[in-house]
Amino acid sequence: MAWPHRGAGLVYRRRTVAAGLCRFAVCARSRAQESCMKLLVVLLVILFGVWLWRSRRLAERQSEAPPKALQNMVTCAVCGVHLPQSEALTGARGLYCSAAHRQQAER
Protein backbone atom coordinates (compact mmCIF):
# COMPACT_ATOMS: atom_id res chain seq x y z
CA MET A 1 0.00 0.00 0.00
CA ALA A 2 1.17 3.40 -0.84
CA TRP A 3 0.89 6.28 1.52
CA PRO A 4 -1.40 9.06 0.30
CA HIS A 5 0.29 12.20 -0.82
CA ARG A 6 0.90 14.46 2.15
CA GLY A 7 -0.63 17.60 0.50
CA ALA A 8 -3.90 15.86 -0.35
CA GLY A 9 -4.73 15.30 3.32
CA LEU A 10 -4.05 18.94 4.17
CA VAL A 11 -6.31 20.16 1.38
CA TYR A 12 -9.09 17.85 2.52
CA ARG A 13 -8.80 19.03 6.13
CA ARG A 14 -8.74 22.68 5.11
CA ARG A 15 -11.89 22.23 3.04
CA THR A 16 -13.79 20.71 5.94
CA VAL A 17 -12.62 23.44 8.31
CA ALA A 18 -13.55 26.16 5.81
CA ALA A 19 -16.96 24.60 5.23
CA GLY A 20 -17.52 24.42 8.96
CA LEU A 21 -16.56 28.07 9.43
CA CYS A 22 -18.79 29.18 6.57
CA ARG A 23 -21.73 27.27 7.94
CA PHE A 24 -21.10 28.66 11.42
CA ALA A 25 -20.89 32.28 10.23
CA VAL A 26 -23.88 32.19 7.88
CA CYS A 27 -26.40 29.96 9.63
CA ALA A 28 -28.10 30.98 12.84
CA ARG A 29 -28.97 28.53 15.57
CA SER A 30 -32.70 29.25 15.46
CA ARG A 31 -35.30 31.33 13.64
CA ALA A 32 -35.65 33.65 16.64
CA GLN A 33 -31.94 34.47 16.64
CA GLU A 34 -32.00 34.95 12.87
CA SER A 35 -34.89 37.44 12.96
CA CYS A 36 -33.31 39.20 15.93
CA MET A 37 -30.07 39.66 13.98
CA LYS A 38 -31.95 41.00 10.95
CA LEU A 39 -33.78 43.45 13.17
CA LEU A 40 -30.52 44.54 14.77
CA VAL A 41 -28.88 45.14 11.38
CA VAL A 42 -31.87 47.14 10.12
CA LEU A 43 -31.88 49.19 13.32
CA LEU A 44 -28.17 49.95 12.99
CA VAL A 45 -28.61 51.03 9.37
CA ILE A 46 -31.48 53.35 10.33
CA LEU A 47 -29.51 54.84 13.22
CA PHE A 48 -26.52 55.42 10.96
CA GLY A 49 -28.75 57.16 8.40
CA VAL A 50 -30.27 59.43 11.04
CA TRP A 51 -26.84 60.29 12.42
CA LEU A 52 -25.54 61.10 8.93
CA TRP A 53 -28.57 63.27 8.14
CA ARG A 54 -28.31 65.23 11.40
CA SER A 55 -24.56 65.80 11.10
CA ARG A 56 -24.97 67.23 7.59
CA ARG A 57 -27.87 69.40 8.69
CA LEU A 58 -25.83 70.77 11.58
CA ALA A 59 -22.89 71.52 9.26
CA GLU A 60 -25.21 73.45 6.92
CA ARG A 61 -26.53 75.54 9.79
CA GLN A 62 -23.04 76.43 10.93
CA SER A 63 -21.86 77.37 7.44
CA GLU A 64 -24.71 79.84 6.83
CA ALA A 65 -23.76 83.49 7.03
CA PRO A 66 -25.04 85.32 10.11
CA PRO A 67 -28.01 87.58 9.40
CA LYS A 68 -27.36 91.24 8.76
CA ALA A 69 -27.85 93.67 11.60
CA LEU A 70 -31.38 95.00 11.87
CA GLN A 71 -31.96 98.51 10.55
CA ASN A 72 -34.58 101.07 11.39
CA MET A 73 -37.34 101.29 8.80
CA VAL A 74 -38.63 104.69 7.73
CA THR A 75 -41.56 105.82 5.60
CA CYS A 76 -41.33 107.91 2.45
CA ALA A 77 -43.10 111.26 2.98
CA VAL A 78 -44.67 111.16 -0.51
CA CYS A 79 -45.73 107.57 -1.27
CA GLY A 80 -45.62 105.93 2.16
CA VAL A 81 -43.23 103.12 1.14
CA HIS A 82 -41.21 101.62 4.00
CA LEU A 83 -37.47 101.34 3.42
CA PRO A 84 -34.30 101.00 5.51
CA GLN A 85 -33.02 104.26 6.92
CA SER A 86 -29.62 103.72 5.25
CA GLU A 87 -31.30 103.77 1.79
CA ALA A 88 -33.58 106.76 2.45
CA LEU A 89 -32.79 110.20 1.06
CA THR A 90 -33.12 113.09 3.51
CA GLY A 91 -34.78 116.31 2.48
CA ALA A 92 -35.99 119.53 4.08
CA ARG A 93 -39.42 118.06 4.90
CA GLY A 94 -38.55 114.44 5.74
CA LEU A 95 -37.21 111.17 4.33
CA TYR A 96 -37.87 109.97 0.78
CA CYS A 97 -37.49 106.76 -1.20
CA SER A 98 -36.08 108.41 -4.34
CA ALA A 99 -34.67 111.70 -5.65
CA ALA A 100 -37.85 112.26 -7.70
CA HIS A 101 -40.03 112.12 -4.57
CA ARG A 102 -37.68 114.46 -2.73
CA GLN A 103 -37.90 117.01 -5.58
CA GLN A 104 -41.70 116.60 -5.75
CA ALA A 105 -42.13 117.29 -2.02
CA GLU A 106 -39.80 120.29 -1.91
CA ARG A 107 -41.50 122.25 -4.79
PDB file of N, CA and C in Angstrom:
ATOM      1  N   MET A   1       0.833  -1.182   0.000  1.00  0.00           N
ATOM      2  CA  MET A   1       0.000   0.000   0.000  1.00  0.00           C
ATOM      3  C   MET A   1       0.873   1.240   0.000  1.00  0.00           C
ATOM      4  N   ALA A   2       0.434   2.149  -0.747  1.00  0.00           N
ATOM      5  CA  ALA A   2       1.175   3.402  -0.840  1.00  0.00           C
ATOM      6  C   ALA A   2       0.540   4.422   0.105  1.00  0.00           C
ATOM      7  N   TRP A   3       1.390   5.214   0.657  1.00  0.00           N
ATOM      8  CA  TRP A   3       0.892   6.284   1.516  1.00  0.00           C
ATOM      9  C   TRP A   3       0.272   7.389   0.645  1.00  0.00           C
ATOM     10  N   PRO A   4      -0.829   7.972   1.097  1.00  0.00           N
ATOM     11  CA  PRO A   4      -1.399   9.062   0.301  1.00  0.00           C
ATOM     12  C   PRO A   4      -0.458  10.256   0.333  1.00  0.00           C
ATOM     13  N   HIS A   5      -0.571  11.012  -0.718  1.00  0.00           N
ATOM     14  CA  HIS A   5       0.290  12.201  -0.815  1.00  0.00           C
ATOM     15  C   HIS A   5      -0.010  13.117   0.368  1.00  0.00           C
ATOM     16  N   ARG A   6       1.025  13.659   0.935  1.00  0.00           N
ATOM     17  CA  ARG A   6       0.903  14.464   2.150  1.00  0.00           C
ATOM     18  C   ARG A   6       0.030  15.709   1.925  1.00  0.00           C
ATOM     19  N   GLY A   7       0.135  16.386   0.785  1.00  0.00           N
ATOM     20  CA  GLY A   7      -0.633  17.604   0.498  1.00  0.00           C
ATOM     21  C   GLY A   7      -2.115  17.337   0.335  1.00  0.00           C
ATOM     22  N   ALA A   8      -2.487  16.166  -0.126  1.00  0.00           N
ATOM     23  CA  ALA A   8      -3.899  15.857  -0.347  1.00  0.00           C
ATOM     24  C   ALA A   8      -4.663  15.845   0.971  1.00  0.00           C
ATOM     25  N   GLY A   9      -4.077  15.334   2.012  1.00  0.00           N
ATOM     26  CA  GLY A   9      -4.732  15.304   3.320  1.00  0.00           C
ATOM     27  C   GLY A   9      -4.926  16.703   3.887  1.00  0.00           C
ATOM     28  N   LEU A  10      -3.945  17.566   3.684  1.00  0.00           N
ATOM     29  CA  LEU A  10      -4.052  18.938   4.171  1.00  0.00           C
ATOM     30  C   LEU A  10      -5.169  19.698   3.449  1.00  0.00           C
ATOM     31  N   VAL A  11      -5.260  19.487   2.145  1.00  0.00           N
ATOM     32  CA  VAL A  11      -6.311  20.155   1.378  1.00  0.00           C
ATOM     33  C   VAL A  11      -7.667  19.677   1.845  1.00  0.00           C
ATOM     34  N   TYR A  12      -7.820  18.395   2.068  1.00  0.00           N
ATOM     35  CA  TYR A  12      -9.093  17.851   2.517  1.00  0.00           C
ATOM     36  C   TYR A  12      -9.483  18.432   3.883  1.00  0.00           C
ATOM     37  N   ARG A  13      -8.517  18.484   4.802  1.00  0.00           N
ATOM     38  CA  ARG A  13      -8.801  19.026   6.133  1.00  0.00           C
ATOM     39  C   ARG A  13      -9.144  20.508   6.072  1.00  0.00           C
ATOM     40  N   ARG A  14      -8.459  21.248   5.233  1.00  0.00           N
ATOM     41  CA  ARG A  14      -8.740  22.681   5.110  1.00  0.00           C
ATOM     42  C   ARG A  14     -10.145  22.916   4.554  1.00  0.00           C
ATOM     43  N   ARG A  15     -10.551  22.080   3.605  1.00  0.00           N
ATOM     44  CA  ARG A  15     -11.888  22.225   3.037  1.00  0.00           C
ATOM     45  C   ARG A  15     -12.958  21.988   4.095  1.00  0.00           C
ATOM     46  N   THR A  16     -12.781  20.999   4.921  1.00  0.00           N
ATOM     47  CA  THR A  16     -13.789  20.708   5.941  1.00  0.00           C
ATOM     48  C   THR A  16     -13.816  21.814   6.991  1.00  0.00           C
ATOM     49  N   VAL A  17     -12.661  22.349   7.347  1.00  0.00           N
ATOM     50  CA  VAL A  17     -12.618  23.443   8.315  1.00  0.00           C
ATOM     51  C   VAL A  17     -13.272  24.687   7.724  1.00  0.00           C
ATOM     52  N   ALA A  18     -12.959  24.995   6.459  1.00  0.00           N
ATOM     53  CA  ALA A  18     -13.552  26.163   5.809  1.00  0.00           C
ATOM     54  C   ALA A  18     -15.060  26.012   5.686  1.00  0.00           C
ATOM     55  N   ALA A  19     -15.523  24.835   5.337  1.00  0.00           N
ATOM     56  CA  ALA A  19     -16.963  24.604   5.233  1.00  0.00           C
ATOM     57  C   ALA A  19     -17.621  24.752   6.595  1.00  0.00           C
ATOM     58  N   GLY A  20     -16.975  24.282   7.613  1.00  0.00           N
ATOM     59  CA  GLY A  20     -17.525  24.425   8.964  1.00  0.00           C
ATOM     60  C   GLY A  20     -17.599  25.876   9.391  1.00  0.00           C
ATOM     61  N   LEU A  21     -16.558  26.656   9.086  1.00  0.00           N
ATOM     62  CA  LEU A  21     -16.562  28.071   9.433  1.00  0.00           C
ATOM     63  C   LEU A  21     -17.623  28.825   8.649  1.00  0.00           C
ATOM     64  N   CYS A  22     -17.765  28.518   7.383  1.00  0.00           N
ATOM     65  CA  CYS A  22     -18.787  29.181   6.569  1.00  0.00           C
ATOM     66  C   CYS A  22     -20.177  28.882   7.111  1.00  0.00           C
ATOM     67  N   ARG A  23     -20.419  27.642   7.435  1.00  0.00           N
ATOM     68  CA  ARG A  23     -21.730  27.265   7.943  1.00  0.00           C
ATOM     69  C   ARG A  23     -21.984  27.937   9.290  1.00  0.00           C
ATOM     70  N   PHE A  24     -20.959  28.043  10.114  1.00  0.00           N
ATOM     71  CA  PHE A  24     -21.095  28.663  11.421  1.00  0.00           C
ATOM     72  C   PHE A  24     -21.399  30.150  11.282  1.00  0.00           C
ATOM     73  N   ALA A  25     -20.726  30.843  10.355  1.00  0.00           N
ATOM     74  CA  ALA A  25     -20.892  32.284  10.226  1.00  0.00           C
ATOM     75  C   ALA A  25     -22.216  32.648   9.564  1.00  0.00           C
ATOM     76  N   VAL A  26     -22.699  31.834   8.648  1.00  0.00           N
ATOM     77  CA  VAL A  26     -23.885  32.185   7.882  1.00  0.00           C
ATOM     78  C   VAL A  26     -25.160  31.720   8.574  1.00  0.00           C
ATOM     79  N   CYS A  27     -25.179  30.538   9.077  1.00  0.00           N
ATOM     80  CA  CYS A  27     -26.401  29.960   9.633  1.00  0.00           C
ATOM     81  C   CYS A  27     -26.566  30.331  11.092  1.00  0.00           C
ATOM     82  N   ALA A  28     -27.798  30.689  11.449  1.00  0.00           N
ATOM     83  CA  ALA A  28     -28.101  30.980  12.842  1.00  0.00           C
ATOM     84  C   ALA A  28     -28.563  29.694  13.520  1.00  0.00           C
ATOM     85  N   ARG A  29     -28.572  29.719  14.811  1.00  0.00           N
ATOM     86  CA  ARG A  29     -28.965  28.528  15.568  1.00  0.00           C
ATOM     87  C   ARG A  29     -30.480  28.310  15.513  1.00  0.00           C
ATOM     88  N   SER A  30     -31.252  29.394  15.489  1.00  0.00           N
ATOM     89  CA  SER A  30     -32.702  29.246  15.462  1.00  0.00           C
ATOM     90  C   SER A  30     -33.309  30.400  14.678  1.00  0.00           C
ATOM     91  N   ARG A  31     -34.590  30.269  14.375  1.00  0.00           N
ATOM     92  CA  ARG A  31     -35.299  31.326  13.641  1.00  0.00           C
ATOM     93  C   ARG A  31     -35.383  32.609  14.474  1.00  0.00           C
ATOM     94  N   ALA A  32     -35.540  32.474  15.777  1.00  0.00           N
ATOM     95  CA  ALA A  32     -35.648  33.646  16.643  1.00  0.00           C
ATOM     96  C   ALA A  32     -34.362  34.448  16.617  1.00  0.00           C
ATOM     97  N   GLN A  33     -33.224  33.780  16.685  1.00  0.00           N
ATOM     98  CA  GLN A  33     -31.938  34.466  16.639  1.00  0.00           C
ATOM     99  C   GLN A  33     -31.725  35.116  15.270  1.00  0.00           C
ATOM    100  N   GLU A  34     -32.167  34.435  14.220  1.00  0.00           N
ATOM    101  CA  GLU A  34     -32.001  34.954  12.867  1.00  0.00           C
ATOM    102  C   GLU A  34     -32.808  36.239  12.680  1.00  0.00           C
ATOM    103  N   SER A  35     -34.058  36.243  13.118  1.00  0.00           N
ATOM    104  CA  SER A  35     -34.887  37.436  12.963  1.00  0.00           C
ATOM    105  C   SER A  35     -34.389  38.556  13.870  1.00  0.00           C
ATOM    106  N   CYS A  36     -33.866  38.198  15.021  1.00  0.00           N
ATOM    107  CA  CYS A  36     -33.308  39.200  15.927  1.00  0.00           C
ATOM    108  C   CYS A  36     -32.088  39.870  15.302  1.00  0.00           C
ATOM    109  N   MET A  37     -31.246  39.094  14.638  1.00  0.00           N
ATOM    110  CA  MET A  37     -30.072  39.655  13.977  1.00  0.00           C
ATOM    111  C   MET A  37     -30.477  40.573  12.829  1.00  0.00           C
ATOM    112  N   LYS A  38     -31.480  40.156  12.053  1.00  0.00           N
ATOM    113  CA  LYS A  38     -31.953  40.996  10.953  1.00  0.00           C
ATOM    114  C   LYS A  38     -32.492  42.317  11.487  1.00  0.00           C
ATOM    115  N   LEU A  39     -33.244  42.248  12.558  1.00  0.00           N
ATOM    116  CA  LEU A  39     -33.784  43.448  13.174  1.00  0.00           C
ATOM    117  C   LEU A  39     -32.667  44.350  13.676  1.00  0.00           C
ATOM    118  N   LEU A  40     -31.651  43.769  14.269  1.00  0.00           N
ATOM    119  CA  LEU A  40     -30.517  44.539  14.767  1.00  0.00           C
ATOM    120  C   LEU A  40     -29.774  45.237  13.628  1.00  0.00           C
ATOM    121  N   VAL A  41     -29.572  44.544  12.527  1.00  0.00           N
ATOM    122  CA  VAL A  41     -28.881  45.135  11.380  1.00  0.00           C
ATOM    123  C   VAL A  41     -29.709  46.276  10.797  1.00  0.00           C
ATOM    124  N   VAL A  42     -31.005  46.079  10.643  1.00  0.00           N
ATOM    125  CA  VAL A  42     -31.873  47.136  10.118  1.00  0.00           C
ATOM    126  C   VAL A  42     -31.859  48.341  11.055  1.00  0.00           C
ATOM    127  N   LEU A  43     -31.919  48.112  12.344  1.00  0.00           N
ATOM    128  CA  LEU A  43     -31.885  49.188  13.319  1.00  0.00           C
ATOM    129  C   LEU A  43     -30.578  49.964  13.237  1.00  0.00           C
ATOM    130  N   LEU A  44     -29.465  49.275  13.105  1.00  0.00           N
ATOM    131  CA  LEU A  44     -28.172  49.948  12.987  1.00  0.00           C
ATOM    132  C   LEU A  44     -28.084  50.776  11.711  1.00  0.00           C
ATOM    133  N   VAL A  45     -28.618  50.268  10.618  1.00  0.00           N
ATOM    134  CA  VAL A  45     -28.607  51.032   9.366  1.00  0.00           C
ATOM    135  C   VAL A  45     -29.457  52.288   9.502  1.00  0.00           C
ATOM    136  N   ILE A  46     -30.614  52.177  10.131  1.00  0.00           N
ATOM    137  CA  ILE A  46     -31.476  53.346  10.327  1.00  0.00           C
ATOM    138  C   ILE A  46     -30.802  54.364  11.227  1.00  0.00           C
ATOM    139  N   LEU A  47     -30.210  53.923  12.312  1.00  0.00           N
ATOM    140  CA  LEU A  47     -29.511  54.839  13.217  1.00  0.00           C
ATOM    141  C   LEU A  47     -28.354  55.539  12.521  1.00  0.00           C
ATOM    142  N   PHE A  48     -27.619  54.814  11.707  1.00  0.00           N
ATOM    143  CA  PHE A  48     -26.515  55.417  10.963  1.00  0.00           C
ATOM    144  C   PHE A  48     -27.042  56.470   9.990  1.00  0.00           C
ATOM    145  N   GLY A  49     -28.152  56.192   9.324  1.00  0.00           N
ATOM    146  CA  GLY A  49     -28.748  57.158   8.403  1.00  0.00           C
ATOM    147  C   GLY A  49     -29.199  58.423   9.111  1.00  0.00           C
ATOM    148  N   VAL A  50     -29.833  58.267  10.262  1.00  0.00           N
ATOM    149  CA  VAL A  50     -30.275  59.429  11.039  1.00  0.00           C
ATOM    150  C   VAL A  50     -29.080  60.240  11.507  1.00  0.00           C
ATOM    151  N   TRP A  51     -28.051  59.587  11.980  1.00  0.00           N
ATOM    152  CA  TRP A  51     -26.842  60.290  12.421  1.00  0.00           C
ATOM    153  C   TRP A  51     -26.209  61.063  11.265  1.00  0.00           C
ATOM    154  N   LEU A  52     -26.120  60.455  10.099  1.00  0.00           N
ATOM    155  CA  LEU A  52     -25.536  61.102   8.932  1.00  0.00           C
ATOM    156  C   LEU A  52     -26.368  62.308   8.516  1.00  0.00           C
ATOM    157  N   TRP A  53     -27.683  62.171   8.512  1.00  0.00           N
ATOM    158  CA  TRP A  53     -28.568  63.266   8.135  1.00  0.00           C
ATOM    159  C   TRP A  53     -28.437  64.444   9.099  1.00  0.00           C
ATOM    160  N   ARG A  54     -28.414  64.160  10.401  1.00  0.00           N
ATOM    161  CA  ARG A  54     -28.312  65.232  11.399  1.00  0.00           C
ATOM    162  C   ARG A  54     -26.960  65.922  11.363  1.00  0.00           C
ATOM    163  N   SER A  55     -25.887  65.170  11.132  1.00  0.00           N
ATOM    164  CA  SER A  55     -24.564  65.795  11.095  1.00  0.00           C
ATOM    165  C   SER A  55     -24.430  66.725   9.888  1.00  0.00           C
ATOM    166  N   ARG A  56     -25.011  66.349   8.762  1.00  0.00           N
ATOM    167  CA  ARG A  56     -24.966  67.226   7.587  1.00  0.00           C
ATOM    168  C   ARG A  56     -25.841  68.459   7.791  1.00  0.00           C
ATOM    169  N   ARG A  57     -26.983  68.280   8.428  1.00  0.00           N
ATOM    170  CA  ARG A  57     -27.873  69.402   8.691  1.00  0.00           C
ATOM    171  C   ARG A  57     -27.217  70.400   9.642  1.00  0.00           C
ATOM    172  N   LEU A  58     -26.521  69.909  10.635  1.00  0.00           N
ATOM    173  CA  LEU A  58     -25.826  70.770  11.583  1.00  0.00           C
ATOM    174  C   LEU A  58     -24.702  71.526  10.889  1.00  0.00           C
ATOM    175  N   ALA A  59     -23.977  70.861   9.989  1.00  0.00           N
ATOM    176  CA  ALA A  59     -22.894  71.515   9.261  1.00  0.00           C
ATOM    177  C   ALA A  59     -23.439  72.627   8.366  1.00  0.00           C
ATOM    178  N   GLU A  60     -24.606  72.418   7.757  1.00  0.00           N
ATOM    179  CA  GLU A  60     -25.213  73.450   6.918  1.00  0.00           C
ATOM    180  C   GLU A  60     -25.613  74.660   7.752  1.00  0.00           C
ATOM    181  N   ARG A  61     -26.133  74.415   8.927  1.00  0.00           N
ATOM    182  CA  ARG A  61     -26.526  75.535   9.794  1.00  0.00           C
ATOM    183  C   ARG A  61     -25.320  76.365  10.204  1.00  0.00           C
ATOM    184  N   GLN A  62     -24.224  75.721  10.486  1.00  0.00           N
ATOM    185  CA  GLN A  62     -23.039  76.434  10.935  1.00  0.00           C
ATOM    186  C   GLN A  62     -22.373  77.192   9.802  1.00  0.00           C
ATOM    187  N   SER A  63     -22.516  76.722   8.563  1.00  0.00           N
ATOM    188  CA  SER A  63     -21.860  77.373   7.441  1.00  0.00           C
ATOM    189  C   SER A  63     -22.648  78.564   6.903  1.00  0.00           C
ATOM    190  N   GLU A  64     -23.910  78.710   7.289  1.00  0.00           N
ATOM    191  CA  GLU A  64     -24.706  79.840   6.830  1.00  0.00           C
ATOM    192  C   GLU A  64     -24.153  81.137   7.396  1.00  0.00           C
ATOM    193  N   ALA A  65     -24.240  82.187   6.590  1.00  0.00           N
ATOM    194  CA  ALA A  65     -23.764  83.493   7.032  1.00  0.00           C
ATOM    195  C   ALA A  65     -24.707  84.046   8.100  1.00  0.00           C
ATOM    196  N   PRO A  66     -24.169  84.739   9.085  1.00  0.00           N
ATOM    197  CA  PRO A  66     -25.035  85.320  10.113  1.00  0.00           C
ATOM    198  C   PRO A  66     -25.921  86.404   9.486  1.00  0.00           C
ATOM    199  N   PRO A  67     -27.114  86.571   9.983  1.00  0.00           N
ATOM    200  CA  PRO A  67     -28.013  87.575   9.403  1.00  0.00           C
ATOM    201  C   PRO A  67     -27.451  88.987   9.592  1.00  0.00           C
ATOM    202  N   LYS A  68     -27.812  89.853   8.666  1.00  0.00           N
ATOM    203  CA  LYS A  68     -27.362  91.244   8.758  1.00  0.00           C
ATOM    204  C   LYS A  68     -27.999  91.900   9.974  1.00  0.00           C
ATOM    205  N   ALA A  69     -27.329  92.951  10.449  1.00  0.00           N
ATOM    206  CA  ALA A  69     -27.855  93.673  11.599  1.00  0.00           C
ATOM    207  C   ALA A  69     -29.169  94.345  11.211  1.00  0.00           C
ATOM    208  N   LEU A  70     -30.087  94.387  12.131  1.00  0.00           N
ATOM    209  CA  LEU A  70     -31.382  95.000  11.867  1.00  0.00           C
ATOM    210  C   LEU A  70     -31.226  96.507  11.712  1.00  0.00           C
ATOM    211  N   GLN A  71     -31.999  97.077  10.792  1.00  0.00           N
ATOM    212  CA  GLN A  71     -31.959  98.513  10.555  1.00  0.00           C
ATOM    213  C   GLN A  71     -33.323  99.113  10.843  1.00  0.00           C
ATOM    214  N   ASN A  72     -33.322 100.368  11.172  1.00  0.00           N
ATOM    215  CA  ASN A  72     -34.582 101.070  11.392  1.00  0.00           C
ATOM    216  C   ASN A  72     -35.259 101.293  10.049  1.00  0.00           C
ATOM    217  N   MET A  73     -36.554 101.063  10.009  1.00  0.00           N
ATOM    218  CA  MET A  73     -37.336 101.287   8.803  1.00  0.00           C
ATOM    219  C   MET A  73     -38.003 102.656   8.900  1.00  0.00           C
ATOM    220  N   VAL A  74     -37.998 103.372   7.782  1.00  0.00           N
ATOM    221  CA  VAL A  74     -38.625 104.694   7.725  1.00  0.00           C
ATOM    222  C   VAL A  74     -39.638 104.700   6.588  1.00  0.00           C
ATOM    223  N   THR A  75     -40.513 105.698   6.598  1.00  0.00           N
ATOM    224  CA  THR A  75     -41.561 105.816   5.595  1.00  0.00           C
ATOM    225  C   THR A  75     -41.283 107.007   4.691  1.00  0.00           C
ATOM    226  N   CYS A  76     -41.478 106.813   3.409  1.00  0.00           N
ATOM    227  CA  CYS A  76     -41.328 107.907   2.453  1.00  0.00           C
ATOM    228  C   CYS A  76     -42.447 108.917   2.705  1.00  0.00           C
ATOM    229  N   ALA A  77     -42.119 110.210   2.704  1.00  0.00           N
ATOM    230  CA  ALA A  77     -43.102 111.264   2.977  1.00  0.00           C
ATOM    231  C   ALA A  77     -44.099 111.429   1.843  1.00  0.00           C
ATOM    232  N   VAL A  78     -43.776 110.990   0.638  1.00  0.00           N
ATOM    233  CA  VAL A  78     -44.667 111.164  -0.506  1.00  0.00           C
ATOM    234  C   VAL A  78     -45.558 109.942  -0.725  1.00  0.00           C
ATOM    235  N   CYS A  79     -44.951 108.763  -0.893  1.00  0.00           N
ATOM    236  CA  CYS A  79     -45.733 107.572  -1.267  1.00  0.00           C
ATOM    237  C   CYS A  79     -46.022 106.620  -0.110  1.00  0.00           C
ATOM    238  N   GLY A  80     -45.356 106.764   1.003  1.00  0.00           N
ATOM    239  CA  GLY A  80     -45.621 105.927   2.161  1.00  0.00           C
ATOM    240  C   GLY A  80     -44.905 104.573   2.144  1.00  0.00           C
ATOM    241  N   VAL A  81     -43.983 104.377   1.217  1.00  0.00           N
ATOM    242  CA  VAL A  81     -43.230 103.119   1.145  1.00  0.00           C
ATOM    243  C   VAL A  81     -42.262 103.037   2.323  1.00  0.00           C
ATOM    244  N   HIS A  82     -42.166 101.837   2.915  1.00  0.00           N
ATOM    245  CA  HIS A  82     -41.207 101.617   4.001  1.00  0.00           C
ATOM    246  C   HIS A  82     -39.891 101.141   3.407  1.00  0.00           C
ATOM    247  N   LEU A  83     -38.796 101.726   3.883  1.00  0.00           N
ATOM    248  CA  LEU A  83     -37.469 101.337   3.420  1.00  0.00           C
ATOM    249  C   LEU A  83     -36.474 101.523   4.553  1.00  0.00           C
ATOM    250  N   PRO A  84     -35.306 100.841   4.463  1.00  0.00           N
ATOM    251  CA  PRO A  84     -34.299 100.999   5.513  1.00  0.00           C
ATOM    252  C   PRO A  84     -33.785 102.435   5.561  1.00  0.00           C
ATOM    253  N   GLN A  85     -33.460 102.878   6.741  1.00  0.00           N
ATOM    254  CA  GLN A  85     -33.016 104.263   6.924  1.00  0.00           C
ATOM    255  C   GLN A  85     -31.726 104.543   6.153  1.00  0.00           C
ATOM    256  N   SER A  86     -30.876 103.517   5.974  1.00  0.00           N
ATOM    257  CA  SER A  86     -29.621 103.725   5.248  1.00  0.00           C
ATOM    258  C   SER A  86     -29.855 103.989   3.760  1.00  0.00           C
ATOM    259  N   GLU A  87     -30.996 103.563   3.210  1.00  0.00           N
ATOM    260  CA  GLU A  87     -31.297 103.771   1.793  1.00  0.00           C
ATOM    261  C   GLU A  87     -32.164 105.006   1.555  1.00  0.00           C
ATOM    262  N   ALA A  88     -32.689 105.607   2.585  1.00  0.00           N
ATOM    263  CA  ALA A  88     -33.579 106.761   2.452  1.00  0.00           C
ATOM    264  C   ALA A  88     -32.780 108.028   2.152  1.00  0.00           C
ATOM    265  N   LEU A  89     -33.391 108.894   1.366  1.00  0.00           N
ATOM    266  CA  LEU A  89     -32.786 110.202   1.056  1.00  0.00           C
ATOM    267  C   LEU A  89     -33.416 111.242   1.971  1.00  0.00           C
ATOM    268  N   THR A  90     -32.595 112.068   2.603  1.00  0.00           N
ATOM    269  CA  THR A  90     -33.120 113.095   3.508  1.00  0.00           C
ATOM    270  C   THR A  90     -33.361 114.381   2.737  1.00  0.00           C
ATOM    271  N   GLY A  91     -34.430 115.021   3.092  1.00  0.00           N
ATOM    272  CA  GLY A  91     -34.777 116.306   2.480  1.00  0.00           C
ATOM    273  C   GLY A  91     -35.176 117.294   3.558  1.00  0.00           C
ATOM    274  N   ALA A  92     -35.613 118.477   3.140  1.00  0.00           N
ATOM    275  CA  ALA A  92     -35.987 119.533   4.084  1.00  0.00           C
ATOM    276  C   ALA A  92     -37.256 119.152   4.861  1.00  0.00           C
ATOM    277  N   ARG A  93     -38.149 118.368   4.253  1.00  0.00           N
ATOM    278  CA  ARG A  93     -39.418 118.055   4.897  1.00  0.00           C
ATOM    279  C   ARG A  93     -39.540 116.601   5.347  1.00  0.00           C
ATOM    280  N   GLY A  94     -38.472 115.806   5.275  1.00  0.00           N
ATOM    281  CA  GLY A  94     -38.547 114.435   5.737  1.00  0.00           C
ATOM    282  C   GLY A  94     -37.643 113.494   4.961  1.00  0.00           C
ATOM    283  N   LEU A  95     -37.984 112.215   5.009  1.00  0.00           N
ATOM    284  CA  LEU A  95     -37.208 111.174   4.331  1.00  0.00           C
ATOM    285  C   LEU A  95     -37.983 110.694   3.110  1.00  0.00           C
ATOM    286  N   TYR A  96     -37.244 110.346   2.048  1.00  0.00           N
ATOM    287  CA  TYR A  96     -37.868 109.973   0.783  1.00  0.00           C
ATOM    288  C   TYR A  96     -37.218 108.710   0.231  1.00  0.00           C
ATOM    289  N   CYS A  97     -37.989 108.005  -0.625  1.00  0.00           N
ATOM    290  CA  CYS A  97     -37.491 106.756  -1.199  1.00  0.00           C
ATOM    291  C   CYS A  97     -36.667 106.995  -2.458  1.00  0.00           C
ATOM    292  N   SER A  98     -36.829 108.125  -3.117  1.00  0.00           N
ATOM    293  CA  SER A  98     -36.075 108.413  -4.339  1.00  0.00           C
ATOM    294  C   SER A  98     -35.853 109.913  -4.478  1.00  0.00           C
ATOM    295  N   ALA A  99     -34.961 110.277  -5.399  1.00  0.00           N
ATOM    296  CA  ALA A  99     -34.673 111.698  -5.649  1.00  0.00           C
ATOM    297  C   ALA A  99     -35.892 112.380  -6.266  1.00  0.00           C
ATOM    298  N   ALA A 100     -36.661 111.668  -7.075  1.00  0.00           N
ATOM    299  CA  ALA A 100     -37.853 112.259  -7.699  1.00  0.00           C
ATOM    300  C   ALA A 100     -38.883 112.651  -6.641  1.00  0.00           C
ATOM    301  N   HIS A 101     -39.079 111.795  -5.630  1.00  0.00           N
ATOM    302  CA  HIS A 101     -40.029 112.118  -4.567  1.00  0.00           C
ATOM    303  C   HIS A 101     -39.514 113.271  -3.693  1.00  0.00           C
ATOM    304  N   ARG A 102     -38.227 113.344  -3.507  1.00  0.00           N
ATOM    305  CA  ARG A 102     -37.677 114.464  -2.732  1.00  0.00           C
ATOM    306  C   ARG A 102     -37.905 115.771  -3.488  1.00  0.00           C
ATOM    307  N   GLN A 103     -37.681 115.796  -4.786  1.00  0.00           N
ATOM    308  CA  GLN A 103     -37.904 117.012  -5.580  1.00  0.00           C
ATOM    309  C   GLN A 103     -39.389 117.384  -5.611  1.00  0.00           C
ATOM    310  N   GLN A 104     -40.259 116.372  -5.708  1.00  0.00           N
ATOM    311  CA  GLN A 104     -41.698 116.597  -5.752  1.00  0.00           C
ATOM    312  C   GLN A 104     -42.177 117.237  -4.455  1.00  0.00           C
ATOM    313  N   ALA A 105     -41.671 116.791  -3.314  1.00  0.00           N
ATOM    314  CA  ALA A 105     -42.125 117.292  -2.016  1.00  0.00           C
ATOM    315  C   ALA A 105     -41.577 118.689  -1.720  1.00  0.00           C
ATOM    316  N   GLU A 106     -40.434 119.027  -2.231  1.00  0.00           N
ATOM    317  CA  GLU A 106     -39.802 120.293  -1.914  1.00  0.00           C
ATOM    318  C   GLU A 106     -40.193 121.405  -2.883  1.00  0.00           C
ATOM    319  N   ARG A 107     -41.033 121.195  -3.867  1.00  0.00           N
ATOM    320  CA  ARG A 107     -41.496 122.249  -4.790  1.00  0.00           C
ATOM    321  C   ARG A 107     -42.481 123.150  -4.141  1.00  0.00           C
TER     322      ARG A 107
END
